[in-house]
Full PDB file with SEQRES, HELIX, SHEET, SSBOND, CRYST1, ORIGX, SCALE, CONECT and MASTER records, all heavy atoms in Angstrom:
SEQRES   1 A   30  ALA THR VAL ILE THR LEU ALA LEU LEU ALA HIS GLU LYS          
SEQRES   2 A   30  GLY ASP ALA GLU LYS VAL MET ASP GLY LEU ARG THR ALA          
SEQRES   3 A   30  THR LYS ASN CYS                                              
HELIX    1 AA1 LYS A   13  ASN A   29  1                                  17    
CRYST1    1.000    1.000    1.000  90.00  90.00  90.00 P 1           1          
ORIGX1      1.000000  0.000000  0.000000        0.00000                         
ORIGX2      0.000000  1.000000  0.000000        0.00000                         
ORIGX3      0.000000  0.000000  1.000000        0.00000                         
SCALE1      1.000000  0.000000  0.000000        0.00000                         
SCALE2      0.000000  1.000000  0.000000        0.00000                         
SCALE3      0.000000  0.000000  1.000000        0.00000                         
ATOM      1  N   ALA A   1      39.142  48.070  28.007  1.00  0.00           N  
ATOM      2  CA  ALA A   1      38.298  47.461  26.927  1.00  0.00           C  
ATOM      3  C   ALA A   1      38.168  45.943  27.176  1.00  0.00           C  
ATOM      4  O   ALA A   1      37.830  45.174  26.316  1.00  0.00           O  
ATOM      5  CB  ALA A   1      38.872  47.701  25.571  1.00  0.00           C  
ATOM      6  N   THR A   2      38.728  45.435  28.306  1.00  0.00           N  
ATOM      7  CA  THR A   2      38.560  44.005  28.471  1.00  0.00           C  
ATOM      8  C   THR A   2      36.993  43.631  28.651  1.00  0.00           C  
ATOM      9  O   THR A   2      36.326  44.249  29.431  1.00  0.00           O  
ATOM     10  CB  THR A   2      39.268  43.571  29.816  1.00  0.00           C  
ATOM     11  OG1 THR A   2      40.716  43.923  29.612  1.00  0.00           O  
ATOM     12  CG2 THR A   2      39.047  41.995  30.059  1.00  0.00           C  
ATOM     13  N   VAL A   3      36.564  42.615  27.993  1.00  0.00           N  
ATOM     14  CA  VAL A   3      35.237  42.079  28.149  1.00  0.00           C  
ATOM     15  C   VAL A   3      35.274  40.584  28.662  1.00  0.00           C  
ATOM     16  O   VAL A   3      36.055  39.739  28.029  1.00  0.00           O  
ATOM     17  CB  VAL A   3      34.426  42.089  26.834  1.00  0.00           C  
ATOM     18  CG1 VAL A   3      33.135  41.411  27.064  1.00  0.00           C  
ATOM     19  CG2 VAL A   3      34.272  43.555  26.379  1.00  0.00           C  
ATOM     20  N   ILE A   4      34.668  40.302  29.775  1.00  0.00           N  
ATOM     21  CA  ILE A   4      34.666  38.894  30.278  1.00  0.00           C  
ATOM     22  C   ILE A   4      33.336  38.221  29.808  1.00  0.00           C  
ATOM     23  O   ILE A   4      32.247  38.884  29.995  1.00  0.00           O  
ATOM     24  CB  ILE A   4      34.653  38.920  31.722  1.00  0.00           C  
ATOM     25  CG1 ILE A   4      35.926  39.715  32.252  1.00  0.00           C  
ATOM     26  CG2 ILE A   4      34.701  37.386  32.285  1.00  0.00           C  
ATOM     27  CD1 ILE A   4      37.207  39.052  31.881  1.00  0.00           C  
ATOM     28  N   THR A   5      33.327  37.062  29.189  1.00  0.00           N  
ATOM     29  CA  THR A   5      32.070  36.448  28.906  1.00  0.00           C  
ATOM     30  C   THR A   5      32.042  35.166  29.803  1.00  0.00           C  
ATOM     31  O   THR A   5      33.021  34.430  29.979  1.00  0.00           O  
ATOM     32  CB  THR A   5      32.078  35.941  27.340  1.00  0.00           C  
ATOM     33  OG1 THR A   5      32.140  36.960  26.649  1.00  0.00           O  
ATOM     34  CG2 THR A   5      30.873  35.060  27.054  1.00  0.00           C  
ATOM     35  N   LEU A   6      30.937  34.965  30.450  1.00  0.00           N  
ATOM     36  CA  LEU A   6      30.780  33.793  31.362  1.00  0.00           C  
ATOM     37  C   LEU A   6      29.619  33.027  30.966  1.00  0.00           C  
ATOM     38  O   LEU A   6      28.569  33.515  30.399  1.00  0.00           O  
ATOM     39  CB  LEU A   6      30.729  34.217  32.872  1.00  0.00           C  
ATOM     40  CG  LEU A   6      29.632  35.001  33.310  1.00  0.00           C  
ATOM     41  CD1 LEU A   6      28.427  34.025  33.934  1.00  0.00           C  
ATOM     42  CD2 LEU A   6      30.022  35.998  34.510  1.00  0.00           C  
ATOM     43  N   ALA A   7      29.588  31.724  31.325  1.00  0.00           N  
ATOM     44  CA  ALA A   7      28.432  30.835  31.061  1.00  0.00           C  
ATOM     45  C   ALA A   7      28.294  29.757  32.241  1.00  0.00           C  
ATOM     46  O   ALA A   7      29.392  29.327  32.624  1.00  0.00           O  
ATOM     47  CB  ALA A   7      28.476  30.194  29.572  1.00  0.00           C  
ATOM     48  N   LEU A   8      27.156  29.375  32.445  1.00  0.00           N  
ATOM     49  CA  LEU A   8      26.911  28.189  33.322  1.00  0.00           C  
ATOM     50  C   LEU A   8      26.297  27.118  32.424  1.00  0.00           C  
ATOM     51  O   LEU A   8      25.332  27.327  31.702  1.00  0.00           O  
ATOM     52  CB  LEU A   8      25.915  28.511  34.491  1.00  0.00           C  
ATOM     53  CG  LEU A   8      26.461  29.556  35.516  1.00  0.00           C  
ATOM     54  CD1 LEU A   8      25.423  29.692  36.555  1.00  0.00           C  
ATOM     55  CD2 LEU A   8      27.869  29.232  36.122  1.00  0.00           C  
ATOM     56  N   LEU A   9      26.926  25.930  32.552  1.00  0.00           N  
ATOM     57  CA  LEU A   9      26.545  24.838  31.614  1.00  0.00           C  
ATOM     58  C   LEU A   9      26.140  23.595  32.402  1.00  0.00           C  
ATOM     59  O   LEU A   9      26.997  23.111  33.371  1.00  0.00           O  
ATOM     60  CB  LEU A   9      27.782  24.343  30.717  1.00  0.00           C  
ATOM     61  CG  LEU A   9      28.568  25.515  30.038  1.00  0.00           C  
ATOM     62  CD1 LEU A   9      29.714  25.061  29.328  1.00  0.00           C  
ATOM     63  CD2 LEU A   9      27.656  26.289  29.090  1.00  0.00           C  
ATOM     64  N   ALA A  10      24.885  23.283  32.445  1.00  0.00           N  
ATOM     65  CA  ALA A  10      24.409  22.178  33.231  1.00  0.00           C  
ATOM     66  C   ALA A  10      24.610  20.778  32.573  1.00  0.00           C  
ATOM     67  O   ALA A  10      24.065  20.603  31.396  1.00  0.00           O  
ATOM     68  CB  ALA A  10      22.831  22.421  33.601  1.00  0.00           C  
ATOM     69  N   HIS A  11      25.137  19.811  33.259  1.00  0.00           N  
ATOM     70  CA  HIS A  11      25.320  18.506  32.864  1.00  0.00           C  
ATOM     71  C   HIS A  11      24.984  17.487  33.944  1.00  0.00           C  
ATOM     72  O   HIS A  11      24.699  17.859  35.044  1.00  0.00           O  
ATOM     73  CB  HIS A  11      26.855  18.215  32.572  1.00  0.00           C  
ATOM     74  CG  HIS A  11      27.322  19.040  31.383  1.00  0.00           C  
ATOM     75  ND1 HIS A  11      27.781  20.460  31.629  1.00  0.00           N  
ATOM     76  CD2 HIS A  11      27.619  18.666  30.153  1.00  0.00           C  
ATOM     77  CE1 HIS A  11      28.285  20.703  30.369  1.00  0.00           C  
ATOM     78  NE2 HIS A  11      27.994  19.823  29.538  1.00  0.00           N  
ATOM     79  N   GLU A  12      24.833  16.231  33.485  1.00  0.00           N  
ATOM     80  CA  GLU A  12      25.101  15.097  34.658  1.00  0.00           C  
ATOM     81  C   GLU A  12      26.494  15.229  35.065  1.00  0.00           C  
ATOM     82  O   GLU A  12      27.383  15.594  34.253  1.00  0.00           O  
ATOM     83  CB  GLU A  12      24.768  13.714  33.970  1.00  0.00           C  
ATOM     84  CG  GLU A  12      23.334  13.646  33.502  1.00  0.00           C  
ATOM     85  CD  GLU A  12      22.199  13.686  34.628  1.00  0.00           C  
ATOM     86  OE1 GLU A  12      22.607  13.260  35.765  1.00  0.00           O  
ATOM     87  OE2 GLU A  12      21.171  14.128  34.342  1.00  0.00           O  
ATOM     88  N   LYS A  13      26.768  14.818  36.318  1.00  0.00           N  
ATOM     89  CA  LYS A  13      28.030  14.867  36.930  1.00  0.00           C  
ATOM     90  C   LYS A  13      29.118  14.215  36.049  1.00  0.00           C  
ATOM     91  O   LYS A  13      30.196  14.679  35.717  1.00  0.00           O  
ATOM     92  CB  LYS A  13      28.012  14.367  38.257  1.00  0.00           C  
ATOM     93  CG  LYS A  13      29.495  14.633  39.057  1.00  0.00           C  
ATOM     94  CD  LYS A  13      29.402  14.230  40.425  1.00  0.00           C  
ATOM     95  CE  LYS A  13      30.711  14.379  41.060  1.00  0.00           C  
ATOM     96  NZ  LYS A  13      30.802  13.998  42.533  1.00  0.00           N  
ATOM     97  N   GLY A  14      28.738  12.883  35.595  1.00  0.00           N  
ATOM     98  CA  GLY A  14      29.807  12.162  34.846  1.00  0.00           C  
ATOM     99  C   GLY A  14      30.162  12.849  33.508  1.00  0.00           C  
ATOM    100  O   GLY A  14      31.291  12.827  33.094  1.00  0.00           O  
ATOM    101  N   ASP A  15      29.137  13.592  32.841  1.00  0.00           N  
ATOM    102  CA  ASP A  15      29.430  14.259  31.698  1.00  0.00           C  
ATOM    103  C   ASP A  15      30.267  15.482  31.913  1.00  0.00           C  
ATOM    104  O   ASP A  15      31.093  15.869  31.098  1.00  0.00           O  
ATOM    105  CB  ASP A  15      28.041  14.631  30.935  1.00  0.00           C  
ATOM    106  CG  ASP A  15      27.443  13.471  30.261  1.00  0.00           C  
ATOM    107  OD1 ASP A  15      27.999  12.333  30.248  1.00  0.00           O  
ATOM    108  OD2 ASP A  15      26.244  13.643  30.032  1.00  0.00           O  
ATOM    109  N   ALA A  16      29.979  16.166  32.960  1.00  0.00           N  
ATOM    110  CA  ALA A  16      30.821  17.309  33.373  1.00  0.00           C  
ATOM    111  C   ALA A  16      32.319  16.894  33.590  1.00  0.00           C  
ATOM    112  O   ALA A  16      33.230  17.700  33.025  1.00  0.00           O  
ATOM    113  CB  ALA A  16      30.232  17.989  34.584  1.00  0.00           C  
ATOM    114  N   GLU A  17      32.505  15.824  34.187  1.00  0.00           N  
ATOM    115  CA  GLU A  17      33.872  15.367  34.332  1.00  0.00           C  
ATOM    116  C   GLU A  17      34.505  14.964  33.127  1.00  0.00           C  
ATOM    117  O   GLU A  17      35.751  15.255  32.963  1.00  0.00           O  
ATOM    118  CB  GLU A  17      33.910  14.155  35.381  1.00  0.00           C  
ATOM    119  CG  GLU A  17      33.378  14.513  36.743  1.00  0.00           C  
ATOM    120  CD  GLU A  17      33.255  13.324  37.532  1.00  0.00           C  
ATOM    121  OE1 GLU A  17      32.989  12.155  37.058  1.00  0.00           O  
ATOM    122  OE2 GLU A  17      33.333  13.443  38.882  1.00  0.00           O  
ATOM    123  N   LYS A  18      33.754  14.459  32.085  1.00  0.00           N  
ATOM    124  CA  LYS A  18      34.322  14.055  30.780  1.00  0.00           C  
ATOM    125  C   LYS A  18      34.753  15.321  30.153  1.00  0.00           C  
ATOM    126  O   LYS A  18      35.776  15.415  29.380  1.00  0.00           O  
ATOM    127  CB  LYS A  18      33.264  13.334  29.997  1.00  0.00           C  
ATOM    128  CG  LYS A  18      33.053  11.932  30.401  1.00  0.00           C  
ATOM    129  CD  LYS A  18      32.103  11.294  29.456  1.00  0.00           C  
ATOM    130  CE  LYS A  18      31.618   9.884  30.098  1.00  0.00           C  
ATOM    131  NZ  LYS A  18      30.599   9.275  29.357  1.00  0.00           N  
ATOM    132  N   VAL A  19      33.996  16.518  30.172  1.00  0.00           N  
ATOM    133  CA  VAL A  19      34.301  17.682  29.473  1.00  0.00           C  
ATOM    134  C   VAL A  19      35.612  18.224  30.064  1.00  0.00           C  
ATOM    135  O   VAL A  19      36.497  18.724  29.302  1.00  0.00           O  
ATOM    136  CB  VAL A  19      33.120  18.656  29.678  1.00  0.00           C  
ATOM    137  CG1 VAL A  19      33.574  20.146  29.182  1.00  0.00           C  
ATOM    138  CG2 VAL A  19      31.831  18.149  28.899  1.00  0.00           C  
ATOM    139  N   MET A  20      35.755  18.206  31.284  1.00  0.00           N  
ATOM    140  CA  MET A  20      36.903  18.670  31.961  1.00  0.00           C  
ATOM    141  C   MET A  20      38.245  17.962  31.559  1.00  0.00           C  
ATOM    142  O   MET A  20      39.246  18.425  31.261  1.00  0.00           O  
ATOM    143  CB  MET A  20      36.818  18.760  33.532  1.00  0.00           C  
ATOM    144  CG  MET A  20      35.744  19.682  34.087  1.00  0.00           C  
ATOM    145  SD  MET A  20      35.991  21.395  33.681  1.00  0.00           S  
ATOM    146  CE  MET A  20      37.464  21.719  34.765  1.00  0.00           C  
ATOM    147  N   ASP A  21      38.006  16.530  31.513  1.00  0.00           N  
ATOM    148  CA  ASP A  21      39.077  15.668  31.158  1.00  0.00           C  
ATOM    149  C   ASP A  21      39.485  16.091  29.622  1.00  0.00           C  
ATOM    150  O   ASP A  21      40.731  16.105  29.206  1.00  0.00           O  
ATOM    151  CB  ASP A  21      38.759  14.262  31.300  1.00  0.00           C  
ATOM    152  CG  ASP A  21      38.685  13.720  32.646  1.00  0.00           C  
ATOM    153  OD1 ASP A  21      39.194  14.420  33.456  1.00  0.00           O  
ATOM    154  OD2 ASP A  21      38.033  12.713  32.865  1.00  0.00           O  
ATOM    155  N   GLY A  22      38.546  16.234  28.796  1.00  0.00           N  
ATOM    156  CA  GLY A  22      38.744  16.651  27.438  1.00  0.00           C  
ATOM    157  C   GLY A  22      39.531  17.850  27.225  1.00  0.00           C  
ATOM    158  O   GLY A  22      40.364  18.084  26.365  1.00  0.00           O  
ATOM    159  N   LEU A  23      39.208  18.939  28.042  1.00  0.00           N  
ATOM    160  CA  LEU A  23      39.814  20.190  27.937  1.00  0.00           C  
ATOM    161  C   LEU A  23      41.351  20.155  28.371  1.00  0.00           C  
ATOM    162  O   LEU A  23      42.220  20.780  27.816  1.00  0.00           O  
ATOM    163  CB  LEU A  23      39.120  21.282  28.801  1.00  0.00           C  
ATOM    164  CG  LEU A  23      37.741  21.784  28.320  1.00  0.00           C  
ATOM    165  CD1 LEU A  23      37.066  22.546  29.443  1.00  0.00           C  
ATOM    166  CD2 LEU A  23      37.948  22.586  27.092  1.00  0.00           C  
ATOM    167  N   ARG A  24      41.523  19.378  29.432  1.00  0.00           N  
ATOM    168  CA  ARG A  24      42.885  19.201  30.029  1.00  0.00           C  
ATOM    169  C   ARG A  24      43.797  18.491  28.953  1.00  0.00           C  
ATOM    170  O   ARG A  24      44.895  18.935  28.722  1.00  0.00           O  
ATOM    171  CB  ARG A  24      42.865  18.495  31.414  1.00  0.00           C  
ATOM    172  CG  ARG A  24      42.911  19.344  32.599  1.00  0.00           C  
ATOM    173  CD  ARG A  24      43.152  18.529  33.855  1.00  0.00           C  
ATOM    174  NE  ARG A  24      42.060  17.472  34.015  1.00  0.00           N  
ATOM    175  CZ  ARG A  24      41.118  17.617  34.709  1.00  0.00           C  
ATOM    176  NH1 ARG A  24      40.768  18.820  35.326  1.00  0.00           N  
ATOM    177  NH2 ARG A  24      40.108  16.699  34.832  1.00  0.00           N  
ATOM    178  N   THR A  25      43.351  17.434  28.318  1.00  0.00           N  
ATOM    179  CA  THR A  25      43.918  16.720  27.370  1.00  0.00           C  
ATOM    180  C   THR A  25      44.338  17.627  26.086  1.00  0.00           C  
ATOM    181  O   THR A  25      45.376  17.543  25.495  1.00  0.00           O  
ATOM    182  CB  THR A  25      43.198  15.429  26.927  1.00  0.00           C  
ATOM    183  OG1 THR A  25      43.014  14.545  27.941  1.00  0.00           O  
ATOM    184  CG2 THR A  25      44.027  14.631  25.847  1.00  0.00           C  
ATOM    185  N   ALA A  26      43.292  18.402  25.667  1.00  0.00           N  
ATOM    186  CA  ALA A  26      43.400  19.229  24.495  1.00  0.00           C  
ATOM    187  C   ALA A  26      44.528  20.277  24.794  1.00  0.00           C  
ATOM    188  O   ALA A  26      45.359  20.678  23.891  1.00  0.00           O  
ATOM    189  CB  ALA A  26      42.065  19.921  24.183  1.00  0.00           C  
ATOM    190  N   THR A  27      44.430  20.844  26.033  1.00  0.00           N  
ATOM    191  CA  THR A  27      45.528  21.940  26.129  1.00  0.00           C  
ATOM    192  C   THR A  27      46.929  21.364  26.232  1.00  0.00           C  
ATOM    193  O   THR A  27      47.899  22.125  26.000  1.00  0.00           O  
ATOM    194  CB  THR A  27      45.272  22.641  27.654  1.00  0.00           C  
ATOM    195  OG1 THR A  27      45.363  21.703  28.703  1.00  0.00           O  
ATOM    196  CG2 THR A  27      43.962  23.339  27.566  1.00  0.00           C  
ATOM    197  N   LYS A  28      47.121  20.086  26.479  1.00  0.00           N  
ATOM    198  CA  LYS A  28      48.338  19.479  26.427  1.00  0.00           C  
ATOM    199  C   LYS A  28      48.832  19.057  25.016  1.00  0.00           C  
ATOM    200  O   LYS A  28      50.113  19.149  24.619  1.00  0.00           O  
ATOM    201  CB  LYS A  28      48.374  18.239  27.423  1.00  0.00           C  
ATOM    202  CG  LYS A  28      48.235  18.449  28.813  1.00  0.00           C  
ATOM    203  CD  LYS A  28      48.239  17.300  29.718  1.00  0.00           C  
ATOM    204  CE  LYS A  28      47.942  17.543  31.239  1.00  0.00           C  
ATOM    205  NZ  LYS A  28      47.915  16.242  31.863  1.00  0.00           N  
ATOM    206  N   ASN A  29      47.835  18.635  24.248  1.00  0.00           N  
ATOM    207  CA  ASN A  29      48.102  17.942  22.951  1.00  0.00           C  
ATOM    208  C   ASN A  29      47.927  18.932  21.848  1.00  0.00           C  
ATOM    209  O   ASN A  29      48.287  18.460  20.624  1.00  0.00           O  
ATOM    210  CB  ASN A  29      47.350  16.656  22.787  1.00  0.00           C  
ATOM    211  CG  ASN A  29      47.636  15.578  23.882  1.00  0.00           C  
ATOM    212  OD1 ASN A  29      48.738  15.553  24.393  1.00  0.00           O  
ATOM    213  ND2 ASN A  29      46.660  14.775  24.111  1.00  0.00           N  
ATOM    214  N   CYS A  30      47.210  19.971  21.963  1.00  0.00           N  
ATOM    215  CA  CYS A  30      46.754  20.918  20.894  1.00  0.00           C  
ATOM    216  C   CYS A  30      47.596  22.119  20.901  1.00  0.00           C  
ATOM    217  O   CYS A  30      47.727  22.823  21.917  1.00  0.00           O  
ATOM    218  CB  CYS A  30      45.285  21.133  20.898  1.00  0.00           C  
ATOM    219  SG  CYS A  30      44.776  22.359  19.668  1.00  0.00           S  
TER     220      CYS A  30                                                      
MASTER        0    0    0    1    0    0    0    6  219    1    0    3          
END                                                                             
């Protein structure tokens, strides 16, 4: 019953890097 959801999200490169930094920080602090 496992369901995988996937998405491709298009950004400018700098914005994509900001999103990744935000996710890493959140997984440490949240």
